[in-house]
Amino acid sequence: HAVIVKKISLPPMPDEELEGQVKLAAEQYIPFDINEVNIDFHVLPPDP
């Protein structure tokens, strides 16, 4: 098992688009088949 934690920045978007955009961004950092991993994310408040 492995865990990869990465903070990424995305522009504001509707919630229904967010999961797909996170998956696309995650493909850059995950060295495995993206369809073989579990992806979870949390929306953080904007930086001050």
PDB file of N, CA and C in Angstrom:
ATOM      1  N   HIS A   1       0.842  -1.185   0.000  1.00  0.00           N
ATOM      2  CA  HIS A   1       0.000   0.000   0.000  1.00  0.00           C
ATOM      3  C   HIS A   1       0.882   1.241   0.000  1.00  0.00           C
ATOM      4  N   ALA A   2       0.372   2.305  -0.578  1.00  0.00           N
ATOM      5  CA  ALA A   2       1.101   3.571  -0.618  1.00  0.00           C
ATOM      6  C   ALA A   2       0.105   4.712  -0.506  1.00  0.00           C
ATOM      7  N   VAL A   3       0.578   5.818   0.022  1.00  0.00           N
ATOM      8  CA  VAL A   3      -0.245   7.022   0.138  1.00  0.00           C
ATOM      9  C   VAL A   3       0.529   8.173  -0.474  1.00  0.00           C
ATOM     10  N   ILE A   4      -0.145   8.946  -1.298  1.00  0.00           N
ATOM     11  CA  ILE A   4       0.445  10.147  -1.883  1.00  0.00           C
ATOM     12  C   ILE A   4      -0.440  11.312  -1.471  1.00  0.00           C
ATOM     13  N   VAL A   5       0.160  12.323  -0.856  1.00  0.00           N
ATOM     14  CA  VAL A   5      -0.566  13.526  -0.454  1.00  0.00           C
ATOM     15  C   VAL A   5       0.029  14.682  -1.228  1.00  0.00           C
ATOM     16  N   LYS A   6      -0.814  15.439  -1.885  1.00  0.00           N
ATOM     17  CA  LYS A   6      -0.334  16.551  -2.705  1.00  0.00           C
ATOM     18  C   LYS A   6      -1.349  17.676  -2.655  1.00  0.00           C
ATOM     19  N   LYS A   7      -0.878  18.883  -2.366  1.00  0.00           N
ATOM     20  CA  LYS A   7      -1.739  20.065  -2.407  1.00  0.00           C
ATOM     21  C   LYS A   7      -1.668  20.639  -3.818  1.00  0.00           C
ATOM     22  N   ILE A   8      -2.825  20.784  -4.446  1.00  0.00           N
ATOM     23  CA  ILE A   8      -2.877  21.358  -5.788  1.00  0.00           C
ATOM     24  C   ILE A   8      -3.807  22.566  -5.774  1.00  0.00           C
ATOM     25  N   SER A   9      -3.611  23.454  -6.706  1.00  0.00           N
ATOM     26  CA  SER A   9      -4.475  24.634  -6.838  1.00  0.00           C
ATOM     27  C   SER A   9      -5.277  24.514  -8.122  1.00  0.00           C
ATOM     28  N   LEU A  10      -6.569  24.703  -7.998  1.00  0.00           N
ATOM     29  CA  LEU A  10      -7.467  24.707  -9.146  1.00  0.00           C
ATOM     30  C   LEU A  10      -8.303  25.977  -9.091  1.00  0.00           C
ATOM     31  N   PRO A  11      -8.729  26.468 -10.236  1.00  0.00           N
ATOM     32  CA  PRO A  11      -9.594  27.648 -10.218  1.00  0.00           C
ATOM     33  C   PRO A  11     -10.961  27.286  -9.638  1.00  0.00           C
ATOM     34  N   PRO A  12     -11.695  28.280  -9.168  1.00  0.00           N
ATOM     35  CA  PRO A  12     -13.052  27.999  -8.671  1.00  0.00           C
ATOM     36  C   PRO A  12     -13.894  27.347  -9.777  1.00  0.00           C
ATOM     37  N   MET A  13     -14.705  26.366  -9.383  1.00  0.00           N
ATOM     38  CA  MET A  13     -15.562  25.679 -10.353  1.00  0.00           C
ATOM     39  C   MET A  13     -16.725  25.045  -9.610  1.00  0.00           C
ATOM     40  N   PRO A  14     -17.781  24.700 -10.337  1.00  0.00           N
ATOM     41  CA  PRO A  14     -18.917  24.023  -9.696  1.00  0.00           C
ATOM     42  C   PRO A  14     -18.489  22.668  -9.117  1.00  0.00           C
ATOM     43  N   ASP A  15     -19.134  22.275  -8.040  1.00  0.00           N
ATOM     44  CA  ASP A  15     -18.806  21.010  -7.374  1.00  0.00           C
ATOM     45  C   ASP A  15     -18.869  19.820  -8.325  1.00  0.00           C
ATOM     46  N   GLU A  16     -19.817  19.827  -9.260  1.00  0.00           N
ATOM     47  CA  GLU A  16     -19.962  18.676 -10.149  1.00  0.00           C
ATOM     48  C   GLU A  16     -18.786  18.519 -11.115  1.00  0.00           C
ATOM     49  N   GLU A  17     -17.991  19.564 -11.324  1.00  0.00           N
ATOM     50  CA  GLU A  17     -16.799  19.483 -12.177  1.00  0.00           C
ATOM     51  C   GLU A  17     -15.539  19.151 -11.382  1.00  0.00           C
ATOM     52  N   LEU A  18     -15.586  19.401 -10.095  1.00  0.00           N
ATOM     53  CA  LEU A  18     -14.388  19.323  -9.266  1.00  0.00           C
ATOM     54  C   LEU A  18     -13.754  17.933  -9.255  1.00  0.00           C
ATOM     55  N   GLU A  19     -14.543  16.894  -9.076  1.00  0.00           N
ATOM     56  CA  GLU A  19     -13.973  15.541  -8.982  1.00  0.00           C
ATOM     57  C   GLU A  19     -13.208  15.166 -10.249  1.00  0.00           C
ATOM     58  N   GLY A  20     -13.763  15.468 -11.406  1.00  0.00           N
ATOM     59  CA  GLY A  20     -13.080  15.158 -12.657  1.00  0.00           C
ATOM     60  C   GLY A  20     -11.788  15.930 -12.817  1.00  0.00           C
ATOM     61  N   GLN A  21     -11.784  17.195 -12.412  1.00  0.00           N
ATOM     62  CA  GLN A  21     -10.580  18.011 -12.526  1.00  0.00           C
ATOM     63  C   GLN A  21      -9.503  17.545 -11.552  1.00  0.00           C
ATOM     64  N   VAL A  22      -9.913  17.127 -10.357  1.00  0.00           N
ATOM     65  CA  VAL A  22      -8.949  16.590  -9.385  1.00  0.00           C
ATOM     66  C   VAL A  22      -8.318  15.318  -9.944  1.00  0.00           C
ATOM     67  N   LYS A  23      -9.121  14.461 -10.551  1.00  0.00           N
ATOM     68  CA  LYS A  23      -8.595  13.221 -11.130  1.00  0.00           C
ATOM     69  C   LYS A  23      -7.598  13.527 -12.243  1.00  0.00           C
ATOM     70  N   LEU A  24      -7.914  14.479 -13.105  1.00  0.00           N
ATOM     71  CA  LEU A  24      -6.986  14.861 -14.175  1.00  0.00           C
ATOM     72  C   LEU A  24      -5.678  15.402 -13.605  1.00  0.00           C
ATOM     73  N   ALA A  25      -5.766  16.248 -12.585  1.00  0.00           N
ATOM     74  CA  ALA A  25      -4.563  16.811 -11.970  1.00  0.00           C
ATOM     75  C   ALA A  25      -3.754  15.720 -11.268  1.00  0.00           C
ATOM     76  N   ALA A  26      -4.438  14.773 -10.644  1.00  0.00           N
ATOM     77  CA  ALA A  26      -3.757  13.705  -9.904  1.00  0.00           C
ATOM     78  C   ALA A  26      -2.932  12.812 -10.822  1.00  0.00           C
ATOM     79  N   GLU A  27      -3.346  12.671 -12.066  1.00  0.00           N
ATOM     80  CA  GLU A  27      -2.614  11.811 -13.002  1.00  0.00           C
ATOM     81  C   GLU A  27      -1.160  12.243 -13.168  1.00  0.00           C
ATOM     82  N   GLN A  28      -0.871  13.509 -12.928  1.00  0.00           N
ATOM     83  CA  GLN A  28       0.502  14.015 -13.037  1.00  0.00           C
ATOM     84  C   GLN A  28       1.399  13.490 -11.919  1.00  0.00           C
ATOM     85  N   TYR A  29       0.816  13.150 -10.784  1.00  0.00           N
ATOM     86  CA  TYR A  29       1.588  12.824  -9.587  1.00  0.00           C
ATOM     87  C   TYR A  29       1.530  11.358  -9.186  1.00  0.00           C
ATOM     88  N   ILE A  30       0.597  10.603  -9.742  1.00  0.00           N
ATOM     89  CA  ILE A  30       0.405   9.212  -9.334  1.00  0.00           C
ATOM     90  C   ILE A  30       1.071   8.292 -10.355  1.00  0.00           C
ATOM     91  N   PRO A  31       2.083   7.540  -9.930  1.00  0.00           N
ATOM     92  CA  PRO A  31       2.823   6.689 -10.869  1.00  0.00           C
ATOM     93  C   PRO A  31       2.159   5.329 -11.126  1.00  0.00           C
ATOM     94  N   PHE A  32       0.854   5.271 -10.993  1.00  0.00           N
ATOM     95  CA  PHE A  32       0.091   4.045 -11.205  1.00  0.00           C
ATOM     96  C   PHE A  32      -1.046   4.348 -12.171  1.00  0.00           C
ATOM     97  N   ASP A  33      -1.684   3.306 -12.677  1.00  0.00           N
ATOM     98  CA  ASP A  33      -2.868   3.487 -13.506  1.00  0.00           C
ATOM     99  C   ASP A  33      -3.927   4.206 -12.677  1.00  0.00           C
ATOM    100  N   ILE A  34      -4.376   5.348 -13.138  1.00  0.00           N
ATOM    101  CA  ILE A  34      -5.311   6.182 -12.374  1.00  0.00           C
ATOM    102  C   ILE A  34      -6.619   5.439 -12.084  1.00  0.00           C
ATOM    103  N   ASN A  35      -6.954   4.455 -12.903  1.00  0.00           N
ATOM    104  CA  ASN A  35      -8.177   3.687 -12.686  1.00  0.00           C
ATOM    105  C   ASN A  35      -8.010   2.594 -11.636  1.00  0.00           C
ATOM    106  N   GLU A  36      -6.789   2.401 -11.147  1.00  0.00           N
ATOM    107  CA  GLU A  36      -6.511   1.372 -10.150  1.00  0.00           C
ATOM    108  C   GLU A  36      -6.260   1.952  -8.758  1.00  0.00           C
ATOM    109  N   VAL A  37      -6.495   3.245  -8.578  1.00  0.00           N
ATOM    110  CA  VAL A  37      -6.238   3.880  -7.283  1.00  0.00           C
ATOM    111  C   VAL A  37      -7.512   4.532  -6.757  1.00  0.00           C
ATOM    112  N   ASN A  38      -7.535   4.769  -5.462  1.00  0.00           N
ATOM    113  CA  ASN A  38      -8.615   5.525  -4.831  1.00  0.00           C
ATOM    114  C   ASN A  38      -8.143   6.957  -4.659  1.00  0.00           C
ATOM    115  N   ILE A  39      -8.953   7.894  -5.091  1.00  0.00           N
ATOM    116  CA  ILE A  39      -8.615   9.312  -4.966  1.00  0.00           C
ATOM    117  C   ILE A  39      -9.636   9.963  -4.052  1.00  0.00           C
ATOM    118  N   ASP A  40      -9.146  10.706  -3.092  1.00  0.00           N
ATOM    119  CA  ASP A  40      -9.999  11.471  -2.187  1.00  0.00           C
ATOM    120  C   ASP A  40      -9.428  12.870  -2.118  1.00  0.00           C
ATOM    121  N   PHE A  41     -10.267  13.851  -1.859  1.00  0.00           N
ATOM    122  CA  PHE A  41      -9.776  15.222  -1.783  1.00  0.00           C
ATOM    123  C   PHE A  41     -10.618  16.033  -0.815  1.00  0.00           C
ATOM    124  N   HIS A  42     -10.031  17.118  -0.353  1.00  0.00           N
ATOM    125  CA  HIS A  42     -10.703  18.073   0.519  1.00  0.00           C
ATOM    126  C   HIS A  42     -10.455  19.457  -0.043  1.00  0.00           C
ATOM    127  N   VAL A  43     -11.487  20.280  -0.055  1.00  0.00           N
ATOM    128  CA  VAL A  43     -11.354  21.659  -0.515  1.00  0.00           C
ATOM    129  C   VAL A  43     -10.912  22.498   0.678  1.00  0.00           C
ATOM    130  N   LEU A  44      -9.789  23.181   0.510  1.00  0.00           N
ATOM    131  CA  LEU A  44      -9.253  24.036   1.564  1.00  0.00           C
ATOM    132  C   LEU A  44      -9.690  25.473   1.322  1.00  0.00           C
ATOM    133  N   PRO A  45      -9.760  26.271   2.378  1.00  0.00           N
ATOM    134  CA  PRO A  45     -10.096  27.685   2.172  1.00  0.00           C
ATOM    135  C   PRO A  45      -8.978  28.379   1.398  1.00  0.00           C
ATOM    136  N   PRO A  46      -9.308  29.459   0.704  1.00  0.00           N
ATOM    137  CA  PRO A  46      -8.270  30.182  -0.049  1.00  0.00           C
ATOM    138  C   PRO A  46      -7.168  30.697   0.869  1.00  0.00           C
ATOM    139  N   ASP A  47      -5.953  30.775   0.322  1.00  0.00           N
ATOM    140  CA  ASP A  47      -4.843  31.361   1.076  1.00  0.00           C
ATOM    141  C   ASP A  47      -5.143  32.838   1.310  1.00  0.00           C
ATOM    142  N   PRO A  48      -4.747  33.334   2.478  1.00  0.00           N
ATOM    143  CA  PRO A  48      -4.999  34.768   2.756  1.00  0.00           C
ATOM    144  C   PRO A  48      -4.176  35.680   1.872  1.00  0.00           C
TER     145      PRO A  48
END
